[in-house]
Amino acid sequence: MGATEYLNSPGGADTFDTGNFAASGITLKIQEFQNMEYDCRRWDFVPGLSIIDVLMWNTPEEIMAHLNSET
């Protein structure tokens, strides 16, 4: 694929060996993401749920705007 970086959330930081990635010419990066808060209509927002919940309550444009604000 030609990738040179692998981006992972902090939850998987202990799962990967950076040396294995480096040996393959790939930089392992751990990135803190901010929870995306969104309107859940009559339910209370619960942070940290899966991407399925985010996809259920948000348009693709809203999700992309949040992801672009993280960079």
N, C-alpha and C. Protein backbone atom coordinates (compact mmCIF):
# COMPACT_ATOMS: atom_id res chain seq x y z
N MET A 1 0.80 -1.19 0.00
CA MET A 1 0.00 0.00 0.00
C MET A 1 0.85 1.26 0.00
N GLY A 2 2.06 1.17 0.45
CA GLY A 2 2.93 2.33 0.46
C GLY A 2 2.79 3.22 1.68
N ALA A 3 2.17 2.73 2.73
CA ALA A 3 1.97 3.54 3.94
C ALA A 3 3.30 3.74 4.67
N THR A 4 3.45 4.90 5.29
CA THR A 4 4.65 5.18 6.09
C THR A 4 4.31 5.49 7.54
N GLU A 5 3.01 5.63 7.84
CA GLU A 5 2.57 5.90 9.21
C GLU A 5 1.35 5.04 9.53
N TYR A 6 1.25 4.64 10.80
CA TYR A 6 0.06 3.94 11.30
C TYR A 6 -0.45 4.73 12.49
N LEU A 7 -1.68 5.20 12.40
CA LEU A 7 -2.28 6.02 13.44
C LEU A 7 -3.22 5.16 14.26
N ASN A 8 -3.04 5.17 15.58
CA ASN A 8 -3.85 4.35 16.47
C ASN A 8 -4.29 5.17 17.68
N SER A 9 -5.38 4.76 18.27
CA SER A 9 -5.87 5.44 19.47
C SER A 9 -5.06 4.97 20.69
N PRO A 10 -5.11 5.72 21.79
CA PRO A 10 -4.34 5.37 22.98
C PRO A 10 -4.71 4.00 23.56
N GLY A 11 -5.93 3.55 23.34
CA GLY A 11 -6.36 2.26 23.88
C GLY A 11 -5.54 1.09 23.37
N GLY A 12 -4.95 1.22 22.21
CA GLY A 12 -4.15 0.14 21.64
C GLY A 12 -2.66 0.36 21.76
N ALA A 13 -2.24 1.36 22.51
CA ALA A 13 -0.83 1.72 22.59
C ALA A 13 0.04 0.56 23.09
N ASP A 14 -0.45 -0.24 24.01
CA ASP A 14 0.33 -1.35 24.56
C ASP A 14 0.27 -2.60 23.69
N THR A 15 -0.56 -2.57 22.67
CA THR A 15 -0.76 -3.73 21.81
C THR A 15 0.35 -3.88 20.77
N PHE A 16 0.89 -2.76 20.34
CA PHE A 16 1.83 -2.76 19.23
C PHE A 16 3.26 -2.53 19.68
N ASP A 17 4.20 -3.15 18.97
CA ASP A 17 5.63 -2.97 19.21
C ASP A 17 6.16 -1.99 18.17
N THR A 18 6.57 -0.81 18.62
CA THR A 18 7.04 0.21 17.68
C THR A 18 8.25 -0.28 16.88
N GLY A 19 9.04 -1.18 17.46
CA GLY A 19 10.19 -1.73 16.75
C GLY A 19 9.80 -2.52 15.52
N ASN A 20 8.73 -3.29 15.62
CA ASN A 20 8.25 -4.05 14.46
C ASN A 20 7.80 -3.11 13.34
N PHE A 21 7.13 -2.04 13.72
CA PHE A 21 6.70 -1.07 12.71
C PHE A 21 7.92 -0.40 12.08
N ALA A 22 8.86 0.03 12.93
CA ALA A 22 10.05 0.73 12.44
C ALA A 22 10.85 -0.16 11.49
N ALA A 23 10.93 -1.46 11.79
CA ALA A 23 11.67 -2.39 10.94
C ALA A 23 11.05 -2.48 9.54
N SER A 24 9.77 -2.16 9.46
CA SER A 24 9.07 -2.17 8.17
C SER A 24 8.99 -0.78 7.55
N GLY A 25 9.67 0.19 8.17
CA GLY A 25 9.67 1.55 7.64
C GLY A 25 8.39 2.32 7.93
N ILE A 26 7.68 1.90 8.96
CA ILE A 26 6.41 2.55 9.32
C ILE A 26 6.53 3.17 10.70
N THR A 27 6.09 4.41 10.82
CA THR A 27 6.07 5.12 12.09
C THR A 27 4.73 4.88 12.77
N LEU A 28 4.76 4.39 14.00
CA LEU A 28 3.54 4.19 14.78
C LEU A 28 3.26 5.46 15.56
N LYS A 29 2.08 6.02 15.36
CA LYS A 29 1.69 7.24 16.08
C LYS A 29 0.44 6.97 16.90
N ILE A 30 0.47 7.43 18.13
CA ILE A 30 -0.69 7.33 19.02
C ILE A 30 -1.32 8.72 19.08
N GLN A 31 -2.60 8.81 18.78
CA GLN A 31 -3.26 10.10 18.76
C GLN A 31 -4.44 10.13 19.71
N GLU A 32 -4.46 11.17 20.53
CA GLU A 32 -5.61 11.42 21.41
C GLU A 32 -6.70 12.07 20.57
N PHE A 33 -7.87 11.51 20.61
CA PHE A 33 -9.01 12.08 19.90
C PHE A 33 -9.96 12.71 20.91
N GLN A 34 -10.56 13.81 20.53
CA GLN A 34 -11.59 14.43 21.36
C GLN A 34 -12.92 13.78 21.04
N ASN A 35 -13.69 13.46 22.08
CA ASN A 35 -15.02 12.93 21.84
C ASN A 35 -15.83 13.93 21.04
N MET A 36 -16.56 13.43 20.08
CA MET A 36 -17.45 14.27 19.29
C MET A 36 -18.79 14.30 20.01
N GLU A 37 -19.20 15.47 20.48
CA GLU A 37 -20.50 15.57 21.13
C GLU A 37 -21.56 15.87 20.08
N TYR A 38 -22.70 15.23 20.21
CA TYR A 38 -23.76 15.39 19.23
C TYR A 38 -25.12 15.21 19.88
N ASP A 39 -26.13 15.70 19.19
CA ASP A 39 -27.50 15.65 19.68
C ASP A 39 -28.05 14.23 19.50
N CYS A 40 -28.53 13.65 20.58
CA CYS A 40 -29.11 12.30 20.54
C CYS A 40 -30.63 12.36 20.72
N ARG A 41 -31.19 13.45 20.31
CA ARG A 41 -32.63 13.71 20.40
C ARG A 41 -33.08 13.62 21.84
N ARG A 42 -33.91 12.67 22.16
CA ARG A 42 -34.48 12.62 23.52
C ARG A 42 -33.59 11.88 24.52
N TRP A 43 -32.49 11.30 24.07
CA TRP A 43 -31.58 10.59 24.96
C TRP A 43 -30.41 11.48 25.36
N ASP A 44 -29.79 11.18 26.48
CA ASP A 44 -28.61 11.91 26.91
C ASP A 44 -27.39 11.44 26.12
N PHE A 45 -26.52 12.37 25.79
CA PHE A 45 -25.27 12.03 25.12
C PHE A 45 -24.38 11.25 26.08
N VAL A 46 -23.78 10.16 25.60
CA VAL A 46 -22.83 9.35 26.37
C VAL A 46 -21.51 9.35 25.60
N PRO A 47 -20.45 9.93 26.16
CA PRO A 47 -19.17 9.98 25.44
C PRO A 47 -18.50 8.62 25.36
N GLY A 48 -17.67 8.46 24.32
CA GLY A 48 -16.83 7.27 24.21
C GLY A 48 -17.50 6.03 23.67
N LEU A 49 -18.69 6.17 23.08
CA LEU A 49 -19.33 5.00 22.48
C LEU A 49 -18.66 4.69 21.15
N SER A 50 -19.09 3.66 20.49
CA SER A 50 -18.44 3.23 19.25
C SER A 50 -18.74 4.17 18.09
N ILE A 51 -18.00 3.96 17.02
CA ILE A 51 -18.21 4.74 15.79
C ILE A 51 -19.62 4.52 15.25
N ILE A 52 -20.22 3.39 15.57
CA ILE A 52 -21.58 3.12 15.10
C ILE A 52 -22.54 4.17 15.65
N ASP A 53 -22.38 4.54 16.91
CA ASP A 53 -23.24 5.57 17.51
C ASP A 53 -23.02 6.91 16.82
N VAL A 54 -21.76 7.25 16.57
CA VAL A 54 -21.44 8.50 15.87
C VAL A 54 -22.10 8.52 14.50
N LEU A 55 -21.98 7.41 13.76
CA LEU A 55 -22.56 7.33 12.41
C LEU A 55 -24.08 7.40 12.43
N MET A 56 -24.67 6.88 13.48
CA MET A 56 -26.12 6.85 13.59
C MET A 56 -26.71 8.25 13.77
N TRP A 57 -26.01 9.11 14.47
CA TRP A 57 -26.56 10.42 14.85
C TRP A 57 -26.01 11.59 14.05
N ASN A 58 -25.06 11.36 13.16
CA ASN A 58 -24.41 12.47 12.46
C ASN A 58 -24.35 12.22 10.96
N THR A 59 -24.36 13.32 10.22
CA THR A 59 -24.20 13.23 8.77
C THR A 59 -22.72 13.02 8.45
N PRO A 60 -22.41 12.50 7.27
CA PRO A 60 -21.00 12.37 6.89
C PRO A 60 -20.26 13.71 6.94
N GLU A 61 -20.96 14.78 6.59
CA GLU A 61 -20.34 16.11 6.61
C GLU A 61 -19.98 16.54 8.04
N GLU A 62 -20.84 16.25 9.00
CA GLU A 62 -20.56 16.60 10.39
C GLU A 62 -19.36 15.81 10.92
N ILE A 63 -19.30 14.54 10.56
CA ILE A 63 -18.19 13.69 11.01
C ILE A 63 -16.87 14.18 10.40
N MET A 64 -16.88 14.47 9.10
CA MET A 64 -15.67 14.95 8.44
C MET A 64 -15.21 16.29 9.02
N ALA A 65 -16.16 17.17 9.33
CA ALA A 65 -15.80 18.46 9.92
C ALA A 65 -15.11 18.25 11.27
N HIS A 66 -15.60 17.31 12.06
CA HIS A 66 -14.97 17.02 13.36
C HIS A 66 -13.58 16.43 13.16
N LEU A 67 -13.45 15.47 12.26
CA LEU A 67 -12.14 14.86 12.01
C LEU A 67 -11.14 15.88 11.49
N ASN A 68 -11.58 16.76 10.62
CA ASN A 68 -10.68 17.79 10.08
C ASN A 68 -10.27 18.79 11.14
N SER A 69 -11.09 19.00 12.15
CA SER A 69 -10.73 19.93 13.22
C SER A 69 -9.69 19.33 14.16
N GLU A 70 -9.49 18.01 14.09
CA GLU A 70 -8.52 17.31 14.94
C GLU A 70 -7.09 17.45 14.42
N THR A 71 -6.93 17.82 13.17
CA THR A 71 -5.58 17.84 12.59
C THR A 71 -4.92 19.17 12.73
